[in-house]
Each structure stands twice: as C-alpha cells, then as structure tokens.
C-alpha atoms as a PDB file:
ATOM      1  CA  UNK A   1       8.012  32.778 -10.644  1.00  0.00           C
ATOM      2  CA  UNK A   2       9.992  29.700  -9.972  1.00  0.00           C
ATOM      3  CA  UNK A   3      13.378  29.162 -11.875  1.00  0.00           C
ATOM      4  CA  UNK A   4      16.461  27.039 -11.881  1.00  0.00           C
ATOM      5  CA  UNK A   5      18.499  29.436  -9.713  1.00  0.00           C
ATOM      6  CA  UNK A   6      18.485  27.567  -6.410  1.00  0.00           C
ATOM      7  CA  UNK A   7      19.010  24.164  -8.043  1.00  0.00           C
ATOM      8  CA  UNK A   8      22.082  25.628 -10.018  1.00  0.00           C
ATOM      9  CA  UNK A   9      23.763  26.046  -6.539  1.00  0.00           C
ATOM     10  CA  UNK A  10      24.261  22.262  -6.344  1.00  0.00           C
ATOM     11  CA  UNK A  11      25.460  19.392  -8.327  1.00  0.00           C
ATOM     12  CA  UNK A  12      24.060  15.829  -8.781  1.00  0.00           C
ATOM     13  CA  UNK A  13      20.473  14.913  -8.412  1.00  0.00           C
ATOM     14  CA  UNK A  14      18.363  17.688  -6.596  1.00  0.00           C
ATOM     15  CA  UNK A  15      14.977  17.106  -5.217  1.00  0.00           C
ATOM     16  CA  UNK A  16      12.423  19.598  -4.021  1.00  0.00           C
ATOM     17  CA  UNK A  17      10.365  18.949  -0.982  1.00  0.00           C
ATOM     18  CA  UNK A  18       7.182  20.495   0.128  1.00  0.00           C
ATOM     19  CA  UNK A  19       4.295  19.726   2.382  1.00  0.00           C
ATOM     20  CA  UNK A  20       0.512  20.074   2.312  1.00  0.00           C
ATOM     21  CA  UNK A  21      -1.938  19.763   5.233  1.00  0.00           C
ATOM     22  CA  UNK A  22      -0.372  21.291   8.350  1.00  0.00           C
ATOM     23  CA  UNK A  23      -3.231  23.442   9.345  1.00  0.00           C
ATOM     24  CA  UNK A  24      -6.316  21.017   8.756  1.00  0.00           C
ATOM     25  CA  UNK A  25      -7.962  19.388  11.930  1.00  0.00           C
ATOM     26  CA  UNK A  26      -8.309  16.186  10.091  1.00  0.00           C
ATOM     27  CA  UNK A  27      -6.207  13.592   8.088  1.00  0.00           C
ATOM     28  CA  UNK A  28      -2.554  13.020   7.210  1.00  0.00           C
ATOM     29  CA  UNK A  29       0.027  15.613   6.395  1.00  0.00           C
ATOM     30  CA  UNK A  30       1.435  14.890   2.988  1.00  0.00           C
ATOM     31  CA  UNK A  31       4.833  15.700   1.573  1.00  0.00           C
ATOM     32  CA  UNK A  32       6.116  15.661  -1.974  1.00  0.00           C
ATOM     33  CA  UNK A  33       9.549  15.205  -3.392  1.00  0.00           C
ATOM     34  CA  UNK A  34      10.389  15.727  -7.168  1.00  0.00           C
ATOM     35  CA  UNK A  35      13.521  15.439  -9.118  1.00  0.00           C
ATOM     36  CA  UNK A  36      13.780  16.874 -12.646  1.00  0.00           C
ATOM     37  CA  UNK A  37      16.060  14.147 -14.218  1.00  0.00           C
ATOM     38  CA  UNK A  38      16.322  16.653 -17.278  1.00  0.00           C
ATOM     39  CA  UNK A  39      15.111  20.091 -17.949  1.00  0.00           C
ATOM     40  CA  UNK A  40      13.772  19.239 -21.192  1.00  0.00           C
ATOM     41  CA  UNK A  41      10.132  18.840 -20.066  1.00  0.00           C
ATOM     42  CA  UNK A  42       6.815  19.958 -21.372  1.00  0.00           C
ATOM     43  CA  UNK A  43       7.141  23.828 -21.681  1.00  0.00           C
ATOM     44  CA  UNK A  44       3.484  24.150 -20.310  1.00  0.00           C
ATOM     45  CA  UNK A  45       4.722  22.597 -17.109  1.00  0.00           C
ATOM     46  CA  UNK A  46       7.559  25.052 -16.571  1.00  0.00           C
ATOM     47  CA  UNK A  47       5.420  28.009 -17.608  1.00  0.00           C
ATOM     48  CA  UNK A  48       2.760  27.351 -15.148  1.00  0.00           C
ATOM     49  CA  UNK A  49       4.609  25.924 -12.051  1.00  0.00           C
ATOM     50  CA  UNK A  50       4.199  28.140  -8.923  1.00  0.00           C
ATOM     51  CA  UNK A  51       3.495  27.850  -5.379  1.00  0.00           C
ATOM     52  CA  UNK A  52       0.374  25.568  -5.204  1.00  0.00           C
ATOM     53  CA  UNK A  53      -1.494  28.117  -2.915  1.00  0.00           C
ATOM     54  CA  UNK A  54      -1.445  30.602  -5.694  1.00  0.00           C
ATOM     55  CA  UNK A  55      -2.970  28.295  -8.199  1.00  0.00           C
ATOM     56  CA  UNK A  56      -6.784  27.363  -8.803  1.00  0.00           C
ATOM     57  CA  UNK A  57      -7.862  23.766  -7.927  1.00  0.00           C
ATOM     58  CA  UNK A  58      -8.271  23.102 -11.708  1.00  0.00           C
ATOM     59  CA  UNK A  59      -4.767  24.344 -12.537  1.00  0.00           C
ATOM     60  CA  UNK A  60      -3.279  22.322  -9.740  1.00  0.00           C
ATOM     61  CA  UNK A  61      -4.924  19.228 -11.219  1.00  0.00           C
ATOM     62  CA  UNK A  62      -3.658  19.986 -14.507  1.00  0.00           C
ATOM     63  CA  UNK A  63      -0.131  20.467 -13.392  1.00  0.00           C
ATOM     64  CA  UNK A  64      -0.340  17.292 -11.310  1.00  0.00           C
ATOM     65  CA  UNK A  65      -1.252  15.309 -14.326  1.00  0.00           C
ATOM     66  CA  UNK A  66       1.488  16.783 -16.180  1.00  0.00           C
ATOM     67  CA  UNK A  67       3.977  15.817 -13.450  1.00  0.00           C
ATOM     68  CA  UNK A  68       2.672  12.170 -13.548  1.00  0.00           C
ATOM     69  CA  UNK A  69       2.972  12.146 -17.284  1.00  0.00           C
ATOM     70  CA  UNK A  70       6.516  13.399 -17.161  1.00  0.00           C
ATOM     71  CA  UNK A  71       7.228  10.784 -14.542  1.00  0.00           C
ATOM     72  CA  UNK A  72       5.780   8.088 -16.640  1.00  0.00           C
ATOM     73  CA  UNK A  73       8.094   9.221 -19.512  1.00  0.00           C
ATOM     74  CA  UNK A  74      11.191   9.230 -17.325  1.00  0.00           C
ATOM     75  CA  UNK A  75      11.894  12.855 -17.135  1.00  0.00           C
ATOM     76  CA  UNK A  76      10.797  13.457 -13.514  1.00  0.00           C
ATOM     77  CA  UNK A  77      11.010  11.354 -10.432  1.00  0.00           C
ATOM     78  CA  UNK A  78       8.243  11.780  -7.902  1.00  0.00           C
ATOM     79  CA  UNK A  79       7.750  10.517  -4.327  1.00  0.00           C
ATOM     80  CA  UNK A  80       4.827  11.021  -1.859  1.00  0.00           C
ATOM     81  CA  UNK A  81       5.029  10.658   1.825  1.00  0.00           C
ATOM     82  CA  UNK A  82       2.276  10.753   4.535  1.00  0.00           C
ATOM     83  CA  UNK A  83       2.246  10.989   8.229  1.00  0.00           C
ATOM     84  CA  UNK A  84      -1.104  10.034   9.861  1.00  0.00           C
ATOM     85  CA  UNK A  85      -3.268  12.016  12.142  1.00  0.00           C
ATOM     86  CA  UNK A  86      -2.244   9.488  15.002  1.00  0.00           C
ATOM     87  CA  UNK A  87       1.429  10.200  14.124  1.00  0.00           C
ATOM     88  CA  UNK A  88       0.727  13.950  14.088  1.00  0.00           C
ATOM     89  CA  UNK A  89      -0.788  13.602  17.700  1.00  0.00           C
ATOM     90  CA  UNK A  90       2.227  11.483  18.943  1.00  0.00           C
ATOM     91  CA  UNK A  91       4.936  13.578  17.451  1.00  0.00           C
ATOM     92  CA  UNK A  92       3.452  17.082  16.931  1.00  0.00           C
ATOM     93  CA  UNK A  93       2.853  18.540  13.536  1.00  0.00           C
ATOM     94  CA  UNK A  94       6.330  19.724  12.820  1.00  0.00           C
ATOM     95  CA  UNK A  95       8.117  16.338  13.465  1.00  0.00           C
ATOM     96  CA  UNK A  96       5.246  14.606  11.559  1.00  0.00           C
ATOM     97  CA  UNK A  97       5.868  16.980   8.674  1.00  0.00           C
ATOM     98  CA  UNK A  98       9.491  16.082   8.686  1.00  0.00           C
ATOM     99  CA  UNK A  99       8.756  12.318   8.915  1.00  0.00           C
ATOM    100  CA  UNK A 100       6.355  12.799   5.822  1.00  0.00           C
ATOM    101  CA  UNK A 101       9.101  14.500   4.019  1.00  0.00           C
ATOM    102  CA  UNK A 102      11.621  11.702   4.753  1.00  0.00           C
ATOM    103  CA  UNK A 103       9.205   9.202   3.606  1.00  0.00           C
ATOM    104  CA  UNK A 104       8.645  11.184   0.269  1.00  0.00           C
ATOM    105  CA  UNK A 105      12.286  11.216  -0.492  1.00  0.00           C
ATOM    106  CA  UNK A 106      12.610   7.619   0.368  1.00  0.00           C
ATOM    107  CA  UNK A 107       9.819   6.786  -2.079  1.00  0.00           C
ATOM    108  CA  UNK A 108      11.849   8.334  -4.954  1.00  0.00           C
ATOM    109  CA  UNK A 109      13.237   5.767  -7.353  1.00  0.00           C
ATOM    110  CA  UNK A 110      16.722   7.577  -7.238  1.00  0.00           C
ATOM    111  CA  UNK A 111      18.393   9.042  -4.273  1.00  0.00           C
ATOM    112  CA  UNK A 112      19.140  12.602  -4.493  1.00  0.00           C
ATOM    113  CA  UNK A 113      22.385  14.168  -3.383  1.00  0.00           C
ATOM    114  CA  UNK A 114      20.653  17.329  -2.012  1.00  0.00           C
ATOM    115  CA  UNK A 115      17.019  18.161  -0.947  1.00  0.00           C
ATOM    116  CA  UNK A 116      15.594  21.620  -1.178  1.00  0.00           C
ATOM    117  CA  UNK A 117      12.870  22.078   1.553  1.00  0.00           C
ATOM    118  CA  UNK A 118      10.374  24.821   1.684  1.00  0.00           C
ATOM    119  CA  UNK A 119      10.346  26.832   4.700  1.00  0.00           C
ATOM    120  CA  UNK A 120      12.809  28.003   7.652  1.00  0.00           C
ATOM    121  CA  UNK A 121      13.334  24.794   9.451  1.00  0.00           C
ATOM    122  CA  UNK A 122      15.348  21.739   8.574  1.00  0.00           C
ATOM    123  CA  UNK A 123      14.770  18.179   9.996  1.00  0.00           C
ATOM    124  CA  UNK A 124      17.447  17.202  12.399  1.00  0.00           C
ATOM    125  CA  UNK A 125      17.951  13.826  10.738  1.00  0.00           C
ATOM    126  CA  UNK A 126      17.330  13.283   7.011  1.00  0.00           C
ATOM    127  CA  UNK A 127      18.422  10.568   4.484  1.00  0.00           C
ATOM    128  CA  UNK A 128      20.438  13.144   2.480  1.00  0.00           C
ATOM    129  CA  UNK A 129      21.858  16.692   2.740  1.00  0.00           C
ATOM    130  CA  UNK A 130      19.263  19.358   3.152  1.00  0.00           C
ATOM    131  CA  UNK A 131      18.924  23.142   2.738  1.00  0.00           C
ATOM    132  CA  UNK A 132      15.813  25.365   3.345  1.00  0.00           C
ATOM    133  CA  UNK A 133      14.403  28.306   1.609  1.00  0.00           C
ATOM    134  CA  UNK A 134      11.618  30.559   2.722  1.00  0.00           C
ATOM    135  CA  UNK A 135       9.124  30.983  -0.001  1.00  0.00           C
ATOM    136  CA  UNK A 136      10.901  28.205  -1.937  1.00  0.00           C
ATOM    137  CA  UNK A 137       7.771  27.025  -3.659  1.00  0.00           C
ATOM    138  CA  UNK A 138       7.521  30.355  -5.546  1.00  0.00           C
ATOM    139  CA  UNK A 139      11.452  30.302  -6.368  1.00  0.00           C
ATOM    140  CA  UNK A 140      12.442  26.797  -7.340  1.00  0.00           C
ATOM    141  CA  UNK A 141      10.832  24.654  -9.926  1.00  0.00           C
ATOM    142  CA  UNK A 142      11.693  21.564  -8.022  1.00  0.00           C
ATOM    143  CA  UNK A 143       9.905  22.809  -4.692  1.00  0.00           C
ATOM    144  CA  UNK A 144       7.065  24.253  -6.702  1.00  0.00           C
ATOM    145  CA  UNK A 145       6.322  20.789  -8.310  1.00  0.00           C
ATOM    146  CA  UNK A 146       6.615  19.179  -4.845  1.00  0.00           C
ATOM    147  CA  UNK A 147       4.012  21.596  -3.467  1.00  0.00           C
ATOM    148  CA  UNK A 148       1.610  20.736  -6.169  1.00  0.00           C
ATOM    149  CA  UNK A 149       2.353  16.991  -5.835  1.00  0.00           C
ATOM    150  CA  UNK A 150       1.602  17.134  -2.168  1.00  0.00           C
ATOM    151  CA  UNK A 151      -1.410  19.356  -2.259  1.00  0.00           C
ATOM    152  CA  UNK A 152      -3.326  17.502  -4.973  1.00  0.00           C
ATOM    153  CA  UNK A 153      -2.406  14.087  -3.623  1.00  0.00           C
ATOM    154  CA  UNK A 154      -3.701  15.062  -0.147  1.00  0.00           C
ATOM    155  CA  UNK A 155      -7.019  16.612  -1.837  1.00  0.00           C
ATOM    156  CA  UNK A 156      -7.699  13.383  -3.476  1.00  0.00           C
ATOM    157  CA  UNK A 157      -7.188  11.585  -0.089  1.00  0.00           C
ATOM    158  CA  UNK A 158      -9.655  13.988   1.597  1.00  0.00           C
ATOM    159  CA  UNK A 159     -12.032  13.294  -1.213  1.00  0.00           C
ATOM    160  CA  UNK A 160     -11.950   9.766  -0.295  1.00  0.00           C
ATOM    161  CA  UNK A 161     -12.369  10.442   3.396  1.00  0.00           C
ATOM    162  CA  UNK A 162     -15.363  12.561   2.398  1.00  0.00           C
ATOM    163  CA  UNK A 163     -16.999   9.352   1.013  1.00  0.00           C
ATOM    164  CA  UNK A 164     -16.464   7.439   3.971  1.00  0.00           C
ATOM    165  CA  UNK A 165     -17.439  10.283   6.482  1.00  0.00           C
ATOM    166  CA  UNK A 166     -20.024  12.353   4.422  1.00  0.00           C
ATOM    167  CA  UNK A 167     -21.210  14.762   7.104  1.00  0.00           C
ATOM    168  CA  UNK A 168     -18.145  17.096   7.265  1.00  0.00           C
ATOM    169  CA  UNK A 169     -17.553  18.535   3.790  1.00  0.00           C
ATOM    170  CA  UNK A 170     -13.929  17.215   3.540  1.00  0.00           C
ATOM    171  CA  UNK A 171     -13.927  17.212  -0.353  1.00  0.00           C
ATOM    172  CA  UNK A 172     -14.506  21.099  -0.009  1.00  0.00           C
ATOM    173  CA  UNK A 173     -12.658  22.056   3.039  1.00  0.00           C
ATOM    174  CA  UNK A 174      -9.780  19.479   3.085  1.00  0.00           C
ATOM    175  CA  UNK A 175     -10.161  19.066   6.764  1.00  0.00           C
ATOM    176  CA  UNK A 176      -9.962  22.725   7.713  1.00  0.00           C
ATOM    177  CA  UNK A 177     -12.406  24.021  10.470  1.00  0.00           C
ATOM    178  CA  UNK A 178     -15.195  25.459   8.318  1.00  0.00           C
ATOM    179  CA  UNK A 179     -18.904  25.933   9.380  1.00  0.00           C
ATOM    180  CA  UNK A 180     -19.694  22.814   7.615  1.00  0.00           C
ATOM    181  CA  UNK A 181     -17.067  20.835   9.419  1.00  0.00           C
ATOM    182  CA  UNK A 182     -18.030  22.190  12.712  1.00  0.00           C
ATOM    183  CA  UNK A 183     -21.693  21.557  12.182  1.00  0.00           C
ATOM    184  CA  UNK A 184     -20.683  17.859  11.284  1.00  0.00           C
ATOM    185  CA  UNK A 185     -18.790  17.653  14.490  1.00  0.00           C
ATOM    186  CA  UNK A 186     -21.775  18.872  16.612  1.00  0.00           C
ATOM    187  CA  UNK A 187     -24.063  16.526  14.870  1.00  0.00           C
ATOM    188  CA  UNK A 188     -21.901  13.430  14.447  1.00  0.00           C
ATOM    189  CA  UNK A 189     -18.807  13.698  16.638  1.00  0.00           C
ATOM    190  CA  UNK A 190     -15.429  13.030  15.825  1.00  0.00           C
ATOM    191  CA  UNK A 191     -13.975  10.708  13.199  1.00  0.00           C
ATOM    192  CA  UNK A 192     -10.820   8.376  13.820  1.00  0.00           C
ATOM    193  CA  UNK A 193      -8.943  10.757  11.324  1.00  0.00           C
ATOM    194  CA  UNK A 194      -9.419  13.953  13.604  1.00  0.00           C
ATOM    195  CA  UNK A 195      -6.287  15.249  15.035  1.00  0.00           C
ATOM    196  CA  UNK A 196      -6.860  14.939  18.831  1.00  0.00           C
ATOM    197  CA  UNK A 197      -3.949  17.183  19.746  1.00  0.00           C
ATOM    198  CA  UNK A 198      -5.280  20.253  17.699  1.00  0.00           C
ATOM    199  CA  UNK A 199      -6.800  22.798  20.155  1.00  0.00           C
ATOM    200  CA  UNK A 200     -10.343  22.909  18.681  1.00  0.00           C
ATOM    201  CA  UNK A 201     -10.509  19.105  18.850  1.00  0.00           C
ATOM    202  CA  UNK A 202      -8.819  18.910  22.236  1.00  0.00           C
ATOM    203  CA  UNK A 203     -11.269  21.229  23.681  1.00  0.00           C
ATOM    204  CA  UNK A 204     -14.391  19.472  22.063  1.00  0.00           C
ATOM    205  CA  UNK A 205     -13.040  16.167  23.746  1.00  0.00           C
ATOM    206  CA  UNK A 206     -13.142  17.945  27.092  1.00  0.00           C
ATOM    207  CA  UNK A 207     -16.272  20.179  26.782  1.00  0.00           C
ATOM    208  CA  UNK A 208     -18.238  18.674  23.900  1.00  0.00           C
ATOM    209  CA  UNK A 209     -18.569  22.042  22.597  1.00  0.00           C
ATOM    210  CA  UNK A 210     -16.964  23.615  19.364  1.00  0.00           C
END
C-alpha cells in the first residue's frame, strides 16, 4: 500500500505524476499530477489510495471525487494533461506521454520543487526536477492519487467519445482492442481519434482487415 516514504526523501512541494491510456488504440493519453499541500486530508482517501489498476471502477470514481473535494477545499492541488491521438502518431507514445505529464504539471496552481514519476523512464526535459519509481503508484500516495486522477478523467473522456462514435464500445473498453471495438472498425471504419501509428490500425489502413 502507498505511504509517504518517497515523498519524505524531498523537501518543498512534491507532486506525483502518472499516466493512463498508453495501450488503447483510440483517444488521448492522459496524465495526472497531484500535490498534497497538507497530509491532513480525509482519512478515507489515504486508506483507499492505491495503483488505479488494482481498484474497481466504482472505487476509482469515489476516490476521484474525494480528490476533487480535497482540491476544492485547498488541501490538494491537481493537474490534468493530455496528448492527442495525432500527437501520439507524430511523436510516438513515450514522448506523447511525457508531453501529457509536462502539461499536467503546468496545470497545477503551484509549481512543485520535485516531480515523482511512475515508471522507469524520465523525460529529457521537464519543468521541474524529476525522479522515477517503478511501481510508484503502489508505493507513493502522491503517485497513486495521480494515477486515479488520470485514469478516471480519461475514462470520462472515452465515455464522451462513445456518445460521439457509438459503434465501438468506447465507454466499456476505453479504446482497447476488444471484440466489440474490432467489429465496429470492420463495419464503420476508423474515427479521427484512432491512433494511426499503432500496429493494428496501421495494418488496417493498408489491408482493410483487422
């Protein structure tokens, strides 16, 4: 379970940063950035924060709303950054993820002195000092909060895309290559939000088969 051990290695304002949506064939990659301005936050939040992938959708939603409530009350600072499908195709997914992370930190109302990034790769250029932690979303409260912020925000975006493009099951599959998604491509083709650089989509553009 997450704790403050990583945050305690640094001084000043520390933000956790994590992404959601590297694997899907559709839509933006999202990044969240979270600063705990105080550790005196709702006990329910700290008791339940964890790697977003380990939590049910219902629990993620509840924690997302708790994070937003703490933000409104001035105890947490949150930022969201996106990189579009077009930027993913132009830059590659890793660089687009770093771009989304940078945008998330830029959206924070206060500039951190250190960013804690989930994973094993650091962006070459960032707007503040960075350090990375493999499995950080299961180790650090700040990174866990960022992972939930990014995941739920992106899921909401995919629900909006599902309304706009109703044949692919985006509200359920979040853009991953499920049977419903593949059936939608076969019947209706691609949307402007499909990532053309991803292998299944690239091959479909060439062969019209998927």
